[in-house]
Structures are given as structure tokens and as C-alpha cells.
């Protein structure tokens, strides 16, 4: 194929057009999160602590795969990397379906972590590459990505609404439906059009090319971590990602603990996901309204709701009042989650070139994975010795205090005008 400018432009426009549909099917695992706790505990015989531990292994393998994912994206291209990533996630669900013990489930989470590591790195860069608007490309990126997020949340809500009933009917059926969604994601990635000229990709066929490549990669990471702005963002996103990593599992554990019936899990998750779907359509409005207070509002409100959920669960003895209060508080978390990822990508994209964006996203994912592994391990320990309600309360208090300290650190490092930043904060050297 000859990569003329006209063909590349057409391919990029086509990819951007179908990207929201791709994201709807592949952003997260459909038919999974509303029943994965029940599937792993009731069908596979794992404990709640084991399930949190699996979340930790998922994050650990996601961490390990980050640097190889950069090489993969730059050597074979982002489109092919997305194909490999989605096939890896599909394989993880197959292994989970036939797993017999905790070790098998760990292997499944290893493939899942590798797949999502590549997806989290390549998806935003792939979309950024395919945005052809010359004016306000950041706003166009946010709009397209936000539309994809909204589609994903809506579809997730629809599938989750009857997932609990499907699980009661047949305990393997939701996982089989999840597998079918993964297969559809693979088919859509195969349908993306190639736009990357092979001549411009990294090649290791010359003597010393591999050594030079990794030397340049190391220099790029060193310069990224010299940026006070990016270090502050990584610190914040790492801790916020850690909360989101455990949120779904501890919510399911709490619902089970306070006596909510299994068939209602999906309906609850579907309702909450609708809040994320609605909120994800307005990232630009939220950013304009809150400006540089977005991250502060998100983090402090989220952790305050965790504290309230834990206290209500422990001290409210009226079942109806407790459940209604907990669901209202969880809806706040889902409203925050909706636009969060899109806004974070917007902030990470600022002041970066195409090549450096790959490295910045990778560095951010490394930070998120590292903190999430620790968070999953701590949560697993707490669930072994105390109730889910107390665990949520303790974590909420600890995280609220930690976020206050992080926000204080971020105050004079993020949200400044371009001329107010140091050169090392926004200009990055890739090689020496």
C-alpha cells in the first residue's frame, strides 16, 4: 500500500468516525463487573480477599507490560498493537471460564493486565493521531473520546441491568456474553484502517539500533520525570486509579455483606453506570466550570463519599434507609468517574508531541499500576481481618487526608498559564 497524504487523511477520518463504536464495546469488560465477584466466589470458590488479590495481580502485570508496550506500539504500530491487545483480553476471559483454582485465575489476569496495558497506552494515542482538525484539536479529541465514553457507559448500563438475572439463570452465561463482546472488539480493531507509514516506524535491523532505541527511551523517561507538572499529575492519577481499581469489587462485597440479593447487583450497577454515561458527555463544560479545581473537587468528593458509605453501612440499622443512602453516595462516585478519564487524557496530552505522548501515557500508567498494586494488597489484608464497611471507612479517611496533601503539592505545579511553567515542565527532550 502506498501511503499518500490523501489516503492517510481518509484512513484517519474513518478511524476517528468509528472510534466511539469501538470504545463502546472495548473500553471495559461488558457483562463482567456486575457479576465477577459472584462468579469468582460462588462458581470458582474464591474468597473476597482472593478477588481483591486478583485485582492486584491484574495491575501488577499491567505494570510489567508497560515498557514492552511502548516498544510494541512503536515497532508494529498502534493499530496492530490494539489488535494484539484485544486478542490478549479475549484470551484472558477464555482462561477465566475454564479456570479451576486461584493460580489459573492469576494467569487469566496476567493476560488481561497485558492486554489492558497496551490498550491504555495505545487507544488515546491512536485517537489523537486520527484527529485531523487543525483548530482546537484538544477539544475535538475530548468530544470524540467523551462520546465514546458515553456510548460505553450506556451500553454497560443496558447489559448490566439484566446481568444479575442471567447469572441466576445460568452462572456461566454472563461470562460467555462478555467473551462475545471481546470478540466484537477484536473484529472492530481489524476493521480500523492502517495510517502509519512502515518506513517511519522504529526498526531494529541495523547494528546497535536496539541499544540506541532503549537509550533514547531512558533519556525520554528521565526528562518526563524532571517535569514538576507531570510528576504532580502522575501522583494524583496514581492514587485516583488505585481507588477505581478496588471500587467495583468492594462495592459488590459490601452489597453482599448488607444483604442485597444477587439478582439486583446488575440493576444497581446499570443505574449507577447511567450517571457515568450522562456525566461523560460534558467533560468540556465541567472543565470550563471548575477550571483548575476539577481534580480537587473530584478527589475530595469521591473520598468523602467513601467515608459516608462506610459509616452508613456500619451504623444505619434501617435496611431501606441504608441501601438508599449508599446508592445515592455511589451515584456521586459514578458521576465523577464519567468525565475523569477524558479530562485526565486532555491534561496529559497538553504540551506533548506524538512520540512523547506515548511515553507520557506509559509513565502515567506505571504510576497508576504501582499505587494500585499497593492499594489492592492493603485492601485484601483488611478484608481478611475486618468487615467491608470498616475497610471502606478506613480507606476513605486515609485517602481523603492523602489527597489534601497531594493537592497542596499540586497547587503551584498544575493549572498555570504556559508562560508560568518552567521549560523542563512542558518541553521534553527525547534524546541526548
Protein backbone atom coordinates (compact mmCIF):
# COMPACT_ATOMS: atom_id res chain seq x y z
CA UNK A 1 0.00 0.00 0.00
CA UNK A 2 1.29 3.44 -0.93
CA UNK A 3 0.87 5.87 1.97
CA UNK A 4 -0.11 9.08 0.20
CA UNK A 5 -1.23 12.08 2.22
CA UNK A 6 -4.77 11.75 0.85
CA UNK A 7 -5.06 8.05 1.82
CA UNK A 8 -3.65 8.69 5.28
CA UNK A 9 -6.13 11.52 5.84
CA UNK A 10 -9.07 9.34 4.74
CA UNK A 11 -7.91 6.50 6.97
CA UNK A 12 -7.61 8.81 9.98
CA UNK A 13 -11.08 10.31 9.41
CA UNK A 14 -12.59 6.82 9.11
CA UNK A 15 -10.86 5.62 12.28
CA UNK A 16 -11.99 8.68 14.25
CA UNK A 17 -15.54 8.16 12.97
CA UNK A 18 -15.84 4.56 14.21
CA UNK A 19 -13.69 5.03 17.34
CA UNK A 20 -16.69 5.80 19.62
CA UNK A 21 -18.30 2.50 18.49
CA UNK A 22 -15.04 0.67 19.19
CA UNK A 23 -14.84 2.25 22.64
CA UNK A 24 -18.44 1.25 23.38
CA UNK A 25 -17.52 -2.44 23.02
CA UNK A 26 -13.92 -2.47 24.21
CA UNK A 27 -13.27 0.26 26.78
CA UNK A 28 -14.09 -2.14 29.59
CA UNK A 29 -15.41 -5.66 30.03
CA UNK A 30 -19.16 -5.76 29.41
CA UNK A 31 -21.29 -8.32 31.31
CA UNK A 32 -18.35 -8.68 33.72
CA UNK A 33 -18.10 -6.26 36.62
CA UNK A 34 -21.64 -6.66 37.94
CA UNK A 35 -21.16 -10.42 38.40
CA UNK A 36 -17.38 -11.05 38.51
CA UNK A 37 -17.38 -11.02 42.33
CA UNK A 38 -20.25 -13.53 42.41
CA UNK A 39 -18.71 -15.63 39.61
CA UNK A 40 -15.32 -15.85 41.31
CA UNK A 41 -16.68 -16.52 44.81
CA UNK A 42 -19.66 -18.77 44.04
CA UNK A 43 -18.55 -20.57 40.86
CA UNK A 44 -14.77 -20.64 41.25
CA UNK A 45 -14.74 -20.87 45.06
CA UNK A 46 -12.50 -17.85 45.79
CA UNK A 47 -12.77 -15.62 48.88
CA UNK A 48 -13.42 -11.82 48.77
CA UNK A 49 -9.78 -11.34 49.78
CA UNK A 50 -8.70 -13.55 46.84
CA UNK A 51 -10.77 -11.43 44.45
CA UNK A 52 -9.07 -8.22 45.60
CA UNK A 53 -5.73 -10.04 45.33
CA UNK A 54 -6.57 -10.89 41.70
CA UNK A 55 -7.17 -7.18 41.07
CA UNK A 56 -3.66 -6.65 42.41
CA UNK A 57 -2.17 -9.27 40.07
CA UNK A 58 -4.05 -7.70 37.14
CA UNK A 59 -2.48 -4.34 37.99
CA UNK A 60 0.96 -5.88 38.56
CA UNK A 61 1.02 -7.45 35.08
CA UNK A 62 -0.29 -4.21 33.63
CA UNK A 63 2.72 -2.52 35.28
CA UNK A 64 5.21 -5.12 33.98
CA UNK A 65 3.86 -4.84 30.42
CA UNK A 66 4.18 -1.06 30.14
CA UNK A 67 7.72 -0.69 28.77
CA UNK A 68 7.31 -3.60 26.29
CA UNK A 69 4.00 -1.98 25.24
CA UNK A 70 5.85 1.19 24.22
CA UNK A 71 8.21 -0.85 22.05
CA UNK A 72 5.28 -2.78 20.58
CA UNK A 73 3.42 0.44 19.70
CA UNK A 74 6.47 1.99 18.04
CA UNK A 75 7.68 -1.13 16.22
CA UNK A 76 4.44 -2.69 14.92
CA UNK A 77 2.26 0.43 15.11
CA UNK A 78 -0.67 1.47 17.28
CA UNK A 79 -3.36 -0.20 15.16
CA UNK A 80 -1.67 -3.61 15.23
CA UNK A 81 -0.91 -3.17 18.92
CA UNK A 82 -4.63 -2.61 19.56
CA UNK A 83 -5.41 -5.82 17.67
CA UNK A 84 -2.91 -7.77 19.81
CA UNK A 85 -4.20 -6.12 22.98
CA UNK A 86 -7.83 -7.02 22.33
CA UNK A 87 -6.91 -10.61 21.47
CA UNK A 88 -5.00 -10.82 24.76
CA UNK A 89 -8.06 -9.64 26.72
CA UNK A 90 -10.24 -12.15 24.84
CA UNK A 91 -7.83 -14.95 25.75
CA UNK A 92 -7.98 -13.92 29.42
CA UNK A 93 -11.76 -14.41 29.52
CA UNK A 94 -11.40 -17.86 27.91
CA UNK A 95 -8.85 -18.88 30.57
CA UNK A 96 -11.07 -17.49 33.34
CA UNK A 97 -14.01 -19.54 32.05
CA UNK A 98 -12.04 -22.80 32.25
CA UNK A 99 -10.04 -21.92 35.39
CA UNK A 100 -10.12 -24.40 38.29
CA UNK A 101 -8.25 -22.56 41.05
CA UNK A 102 -6.61 -19.28 42.11
CA UNK A 103 -3.47 -19.96 40.04
CA UNK A 104 -5.50 -20.32 36.84
CA UNK A 105 -7.32 -17.08 37.65
CA UNK A 106 -3.95 -15.35 38.15
CA UNK A 107 -2.85 -16.49 34.66
CA UNK A 108 -6.12 -15.10 33.24
CA UNK A 109 -5.48 -11.79 34.97
CA UNK A 110 -1.92 -11.77 33.61
CA UNK A 111 -3.22 -11.83 30.01
CA UNK A 112 -5.90 -9.31 30.94
CA UNK A 113 -3.32 -6.99 32.51
CA UNK A 114 -1.04 -7.21 29.46
CA UNK A 115 -3.96 -6.51 27.13
CA UNK A 116 -5.25 -3.54 29.07
CA UNK A 117 -1.72 -2.21 29.48
CA UNK A 118 -1.38 -1.99 25.71
CA UNK A 119 -4.94 -0.66 25.33
CA UNK A 120 -4.48 2.11 27.90
CA UNK A 121 -1.29 3.19 26.15
CA UNK A 122 -2.39 2.91 22.50
CA UNK A 123 -6.06 3.92 22.50
CA UNK A 124 -5.68 7.62 23.40
CA UNK A 125 -2.62 7.98 21.16
CA UNK A 126 -4.40 6.21 18.30
CA UNK A 127 -7.35 8.61 18.62
CA UNK A 128 -5.06 11.62 18.93
CA UNK A 129 -3.25 10.55 15.74
CA UNK A 130 -6.58 10.30 13.91
CA UNK A 131 -7.87 13.74 14.90
CA UNK A 132 -7.42 15.82 11.74
CA UNK A 133 -8.93 19.12 12.98
CA UNK A 134 -6.38 21.92 12.68
CA UNK A 135 -8.18 24.24 15.11
CA UNK A 136 -8.68 23.20 18.75
CA UNK A 137 -7.62 19.53 18.28
CA UNK A 138 -7.68 19.08 22.08
CA UNK A 139 -11.36 19.97 22.26
CA UNK A 140 -12.16 17.67 19.29
CA UNK A 141 -10.25 14.84 21.00
CA UNK A 142 -12.21 15.42 24.21
CA UNK A 143 -15.52 15.49 22.32
CA UNK A 144 -14.86 12.25 20.37
CA UNK A 145 -13.42 10.43 23.38
CA UNK A 146 -16.26 11.70 25.59
CA UNK A 147 -18.84 10.46 23.06
CA UNK A 148 -17.17 7.04 23.09
CA UNK A 149 -17.19 7.03 26.91
CA UNK A 150 -20.88 7.92 26.93
CA UNK A 151 -21.69 5.10 24.48
CA UNK A 152 -19.66 2.68 26.62
CA UNK A 153 -21.38 3.67 29.86
CA UNK A 154 -24.86 3.48 28.28
CA UNK A 155 -24.19 0.06 26.75
CA UNK A 156 -22.63 -1.11 30.01
CA UNK A 157 -25.76 0.05 31.86
CA UNK A 158 -28.05 -1.80 29.44
CA UNK A 159 -26.07 -5.05 29.67
CA UNK A 160 -25.63 -4.79 33.45
CA UNK A 161 -29.36 -4.23 34.07
CA UNK A 162 -30.20 -7.87 33.35
CA UNK A 163 -26.79 -9.41 34.09
CA UNK A 164 -27.78 -10.46 37.62
CA UNK A 165 -30.85 -12.30 36.35
CA UNK A 166 -28.77 -14.01 33.65
CA UNK A 167 -26.33 -15.14 36.36
CA UNK A 168 -29.20 -16.63 38.39
CA UNK A 169 -30.46 -18.41 35.24
CA UNK A 170 -27.02 -19.77 34.28
CA UNK A 171 -23.86 -18.87 36.17
CA UNK A 172 -21.57 -19.10 33.10
CA UNK A 173 -23.79 -17.21 30.65
CA UNK A 174 -22.72 -13.63 31.60
CA UNK A 175 -19.06 -14.59 31.13
CA UNK A 176 -19.85 -16.13 27.74
CA UNK A 177 -21.60 -12.90 26.74
CA UNK A 178 -18.54 -10.97 27.98
CA UNK A 179 -16.40 -13.16 25.71
CA UNK A 180 -18.66 -12.36 22.74
CA UNK A 181 -18.19 -8.61 23.37
CA UNK A 182 -14.40 -9.11 23.43
CA UNK A 183 -14.60 -10.91 20.08
CA UNK A 184 -16.59 -7.99 18.61
CA UNK A 185 -13.87 -5.62 19.88
CA UNK A 186 -11.27 -7.70 18.04
CA UNK A 187 -13.28 -7.54 14.83
CA UNK A 188 -13.60 -3.74 15.05
CA UNK A 189 -9.84 -3.31 15.57
CA UNK A 190 -9.27 -5.43 12.46
CA UNK A 191 -11.58 -3.02 10.63
CA UNK A 192 -9.52 0.07 11.57
CA UNK A 193 -7.63 1.36 8.55
CA UNK A 194 -3.85 1.49 8.54
CA UNK A 195 -2.47 5.04 8.53
CA UNK A 196 1.08 4.62 9.84
CA UNK A 197 3.79 4.55 7.20
CA UNK A 198 6.01 1.47 7.85
CA UNK A 199 9.03 3.47 6.73
CA UNK A 200 8.58 5.79 9.72
CA UNK A 201 8.26 3.04 12.35
CA UNK A 202 11.13 2.06 14.63
CA UNK A 203 13.29 -0.69 13.12
CA UNK A 204 15.96 -2.78 14.83
CA UNK A 205 17.56 -4.29 11.73
CA UNK A 206 20.69 -2.15 11.99
CA UNK A 207 23.61 -2.99 14.25
CA UNK A 208 23.18 -1.24 17.62
CA UNK A 209 19.69 0.06 16.77
CA UNK A 210 18.03 -1.74 19.70
CA UNK A 211 20.61 -0.39 22.16
CA UNK A 212 20.18 3.14 20.77
CA UNK A 213 16.38 2.87 20.97
CA UNK A 214 16.37 1.90 24.66
CA UNK A 215 18.97 4.54 25.44
CA UNK A 216 16.71 7.19 23.88
CA UNK A 217 13.72 5.74 25.72
CA UNK A 218 15.56 6.00 29.05
CA UNK A 219 16.51 9.63 28.30
CA UNK A 220 12.90 10.45 27.42
CA UNK A 221 11.64 8.99 30.71
CA UNK A 222 14.31 10.87 32.66
CA UNK A 223 13.15 14.14 31.11
CA UNK A 224 9.48 13.32 31.74
CA UNK A 225 10.17 12.78 35.43
CA UNK A 226 12.05 16.09 35.60
CA UNK A 227 8.75 17.85 34.91
CA UNK A 228 7.17 19.01 38.18
CA UNK A 229 3.86 19.35 36.33
CA UNK A 230 3.84 15.74 35.16
CA UNK A 231 5.11 14.37 38.48
CA UNK A 232 2.20 16.06 40.23
CA UNK A 233 -0.27 14.66 37.67
CA UNK A 234 1.22 11.15 37.98
CA UNK A 235 0.98 11.31 41.76
CA UNK A 236 -2.67 12.31 41.64
CA UNK A 237 -3.73 9.91 38.89
CA UNK A 238 -1.86 7.04 40.57
CA UNK A 239 -3.86 7.40 43.78
CA UNK A 240 -7.17 8.04 41.99
CA UNK A 241 -6.62 4.98 39.77
CA UNK A 242 -5.97 2.93 42.91
CA UNK A 243 -9.40 3.89 44.27
CA UNK A 244 -11.07 2.98 40.99
CA UNK A 245 -9.17 -0.33 40.88
CA UNK A 246 -10.83 -1.57 44.08
CA UNK A 247 -14.15 0.30 43.84
CA UNK A 248 -16.14 -2.29 41.90
CA UNK A 249 -15.04 -5.30 43.97
CA UNK A 250 -15.52 -3.70 47.38
CA UNK A 251 -18.91 -2.35 46.26
CA UNK A 252 -20.02 -5.89 45.33
CA UNK A 253 -18.60 -7.21 48.61
CA UNK A 254 -20.49 -4.52 50.53
CA UNK A 255 -23.78 -5.25 48.72
CA UNK A 256 -23.36 -8.92 49.62
CA UNK A 257 -22.46 -8.03 53.21
CA UNK A 258 -25.52 -5.84 53.85
CA UNK A 259 -27.89 -8.39 52.28
CA UNK A 260 -28.74 -7.13 48.80
CA UNK A 261 -29.95 -10.02 46.60
CA UNK A 262 -27.69 -11.20 43.78
CA UNK A 263 -30.21 -10.53 41.01
CA UNK A 264 -30.26 -6.85 41.93
CA UNK A 265 -26.49 -6.38 41.55
CA UNK A 266 -26.77 -5.80 37.80
CA UNK A 267 -29.72 -3.41 38.09
CA UNK A 268 -27.86 -1.34 40.69
CA UNK A 269 -24.70 -1.21 38.57
CA UNK A 270 -26.75 -0.34 35.46
CA UNK A 271 -28.43 2.56 37.23
CA UNK A 272 -25.13 3.86 38.56
CA UNK A 273 -23.46 3.49 35.16
CA UNK A 274 -26.17 5.70 33.62
CA UNK A 275 -24.89 8.54 35.82
CA UNK A 276 -21.39 8.00 34.40
CA UNK A 277 -22.80 7.93 30.86
CA UNK A 278 -24.57 11.26 31.31
CA UNK A 279 -21.63 12.96 33.05
CA UNK A 280 -19.13 11.70 30.44
CA UNK A 281 -20.86 13.77 27.75
CA UNK A 282 -19.87 17.05 29.40
CA UNK A 283 -16.11 16.99 30.13
CA UNK A 284 -15.51 20.32 28.36
CA UNK A 285 -18.35 22.01 30.30
CA UNK A 286 -17.05 20.61 33.61
CA UNK A 287 -13.53 21.78 32.79
CA UNK A 288 -14.73 25.29 31.91
CA UNK A 289 -16.88 25.47 35.04
CA UNK A 290 -14.36 24.20 37.58
CA UNK A 291 -11.13 25.09 35.70
CA UNK A 292 -8.09 24.17 37.79
CA UNK A 293 -10.27 22.95 40.69
CA UNK A 294 -11.54 19.90 38.78
CA UNK A 295 -9.15 17.39 40.32
CA UNK A 296 -9.62 18.78 43.83
CA UNK A 297 -13.42 18.57 43.58
CA UNK A 298 -13.27 15.07 42.13
CA UNK A 299 -10.85 13.57 44.67
CA UNK A 300 -12.22 15.11 47.87
CA UNK A 301 -15.86 14.47 46.95
CA UNK A 302 -15.08 10.86 45.98
CA UNK A 303 -13.20 10.04 49.19
CA UNK A 304 -15.78 11.85 51.37
CA UNK A 305 -18.48 9.65 49.80
CA UNK A 306 -16.40 6.56 50.69
CA UNK A 307 -16.31 7.63 54.33
CA UNK A 308 -20.07 8.25 54.33
CA UNK A 309 -20.79 4.85 52.67
CA UNK A 310 -18.75 3.05 55.30
CA UNK A 311 -20.36 4.90 58.23
CA UNK A 312 -23.91 4.37 56.91
CA UNK A 313 -23.19 0.64 56.42
CA UNK A 314 -21.92 0.27 59.98
CA UNK A 315 -24.35 2.43 61.94
CA UNK A 316 -27.64 2.66 59.99
CA UNK A 317 -29.80 -0.31 61.03
CA UNK A 318 -32.78 0.51 58.81
CA UNK A 319 -32.17 -1.60 55.69
CA UNK A 320 -34.18 0.61 53.29
CA UNK A 321 -32.64 3.87 54.51
CA UNK A 322 -29.13 2.37 54.46
CA UNK A 323 -29.46 0.99 50.92
CA UNK A 324 -30.95 4.21 49.53
CA UNK A 325 -28.25 6.34 51.19
CA UNK A 326 -25.45 4.06 49.95
CA UNK A 327 -26.78 4.10 46.39
CA UNK A 328 -27.03 7.91 46.38
CA UNK A 329 -23.42 8.12 47.58
CA UNK A 330 -22.26 5.60 44.97
CA UNK A 331 -24.05 7.64 42.28
CA UNK A 332 -21.81 10.58 43.22
CA UNK A 333 -18.75 8.39 42.60
CA UNK A 334 -20.05 7.28 39.21
CA UNK A 335 -20.81 10.87 38.17
CA UNK A 336 -17.18 11.74 38.97
CA UNK A 337 -15.83 8.68 37.16
CA UNK A 338 -17.71 9.60 33.94
CA UNK A 339 -15.63 12.60 32.78
CA UNK A 340 -12.50 11.86 34.83
CA UNK A 341 -10.59 9.70 32.32
CA UNK A 342 -11.29 12.02 29.39
CA UNK A 343 -10.16 15.09 31.34
CA UNK A 344 -7.02 13.32 32.57
CA UNK A 345 -6.09 12.40 28.98
CA UNK A 346 -6.62 16.03 27.99
CA UNK A 347 -4.20 17.18 30.71
CA UNK A 348 -1.61 14.53 29.80
CA UNK A 349 -1.84 15.44 26.10
CA UNK A 350 -1.01 19.10 26.80
CA UNK A 351 2.41 20.33 25.65
CA UNK A 352 3.45 16.94 24.17
CA UNK A 353 4.48 15.70 20.75
CA UNK A 354 3.15 12.50 19.16
CA UNK A 355 6.18 10.45 20.21
CA UNK A 356 6.40 11.89 23.72
CA UNK A 357 2.68 11.31 24.30
CA UNK A 358 3.29 7.55 24.11
CA UNK A 359 5.98 7.81 26.78
CA UNK A 360 3.92 10.16 28.97
CA UNK A 361 0.91 7.84 28.91
CA UNK A 362 3.19 4.93 29.71
CA UNK A 363 4.82 6.75 32.63
CA UNK A 364 1.37 7.65 33.95
CA UNK A 365 0.17 4.04 33.68
CA UNK A 366 3.29 2.86 35.51
CA UNK A 367 2.45 5.27 38.32
CA UNK A 368 -1.20 4.15 38.39
CA UNK A 369 -0.27 0.46 38.43
CA UNK A 370 2.33 0.82 41.16
CA UNK A 371 -0.06 2.60 43.53
CA UNK A 372 -2.96 0.29 42.61
CA UNK A 373 -0.95 -2.86 43.43
CA UNK A 374 -0.21 -1.47 46.90
CA UNK A 375 -3.85 -0.43 47.36
CA UNK A 376 -5.17 -3.86 46.35
CA UNK A 377 -2.74 -5.60 48.72
CA UNK A 378 -3.72 -3.36 51.66
CA UNK A 379 -7.44 -3.80 50.91
CA UNK A 380 -7.00 -7.58 50.68
CA UNK A 381 -5.33 -7.62 54.10
CA UNK A 382 -8.13 -5.57 55.66
CA UNK A 383 -10.86 -7.77 54.16
CA UNK A 384 -9.16 -10.79 55.75
CA UNK A 385 -9.43 -9.33 59.26
CA UNK A 386 -12.42 -6.97 59.25
CA UNK A 387 -15.70 -6.10 57.52
CA UNK A 388 -16.05 -4.46 54.12
CA UNK A 389 -17.85 -1.48 55.71
CA UNK A 390 -14.95 -0.77 58.09
CA UNK A 391 -12.43 -1.25 55.25
CA UNK A 392 -14.21 1.35 53.10
CA UNK A 393 -14.40 3.81 56.02
CA UNK A 394 -10.72 3.44 56.88
CA UNK A 395 -9.59 3.76 53.27
CA UNK A 396 -11.84 6.78 52.72
CA UNK A 397 -10.34 8.61 55.71
CA UNK A 398 -6.75 7.75 54.78
CA UNK A 399 -7.26 8.73 51.14
CA UNK A 400 -9.05 11.99 51.98
CA UNK A 401 -6.05 13.13 54.06
CA UNK A 402 -3.57 11.93 51.41
CA UNK A 403 -5.38 13.82 48.64
CA UNK A 404 -5.30 17.04 50.67
CA UNK A 405 -1.50 16.73 50.86
CA UNK A 406 -1.22 15.89 47.13
CA UNK A 407 -3.43 18.83 46.16
CA UNK A 408 -1.26 21.12 48.25
CA UNK A 409 1.78 19.81 46.35
CA UNK A 410 -0.02 20.33 43.01
CA UNK A 411 -1.11 23.91 43.77
CA UNK A 412 1.81 25.74 42.12
CA UNK A 413 2.63 22.99 39.60
CA UNK A 414 -0.61 22.41 37.62
CA UNK A 415 -3.17 24.73 36.05
CA UNK A 416 -0.73 27.55 35.27
CA UNK A 417 -0.50 29.59 32.10
CA UNK A 418 2.07 28.26 29.56
CA UNK A 419 4.46 31.16 30.26
CA UNK A 420 4.33 30.44 34.01
CA UNK A 421 5.78 26.95 33.66
CA UNK A 422 9.49 26.18 33.73
CA UNK A 423 10.83 24.92 30.40
CA UNK A 424 11.52 21.49 31.91
CA UNK A 425 7.81 21.21 32.78
CA UNK A 426 6.46 21.43 29.23
CA UNK A 427 9.38 20.97 26.81
CA UNK A 428 10.75 17.43 26.65
CA UNK A 429 13.98 16.23 25.06
CA UNK A 430 13.78 12.70 23.68
CA UNK A 431 17.49 12.05 23.09
CA UNK A 432 20.90 13.29 24.15
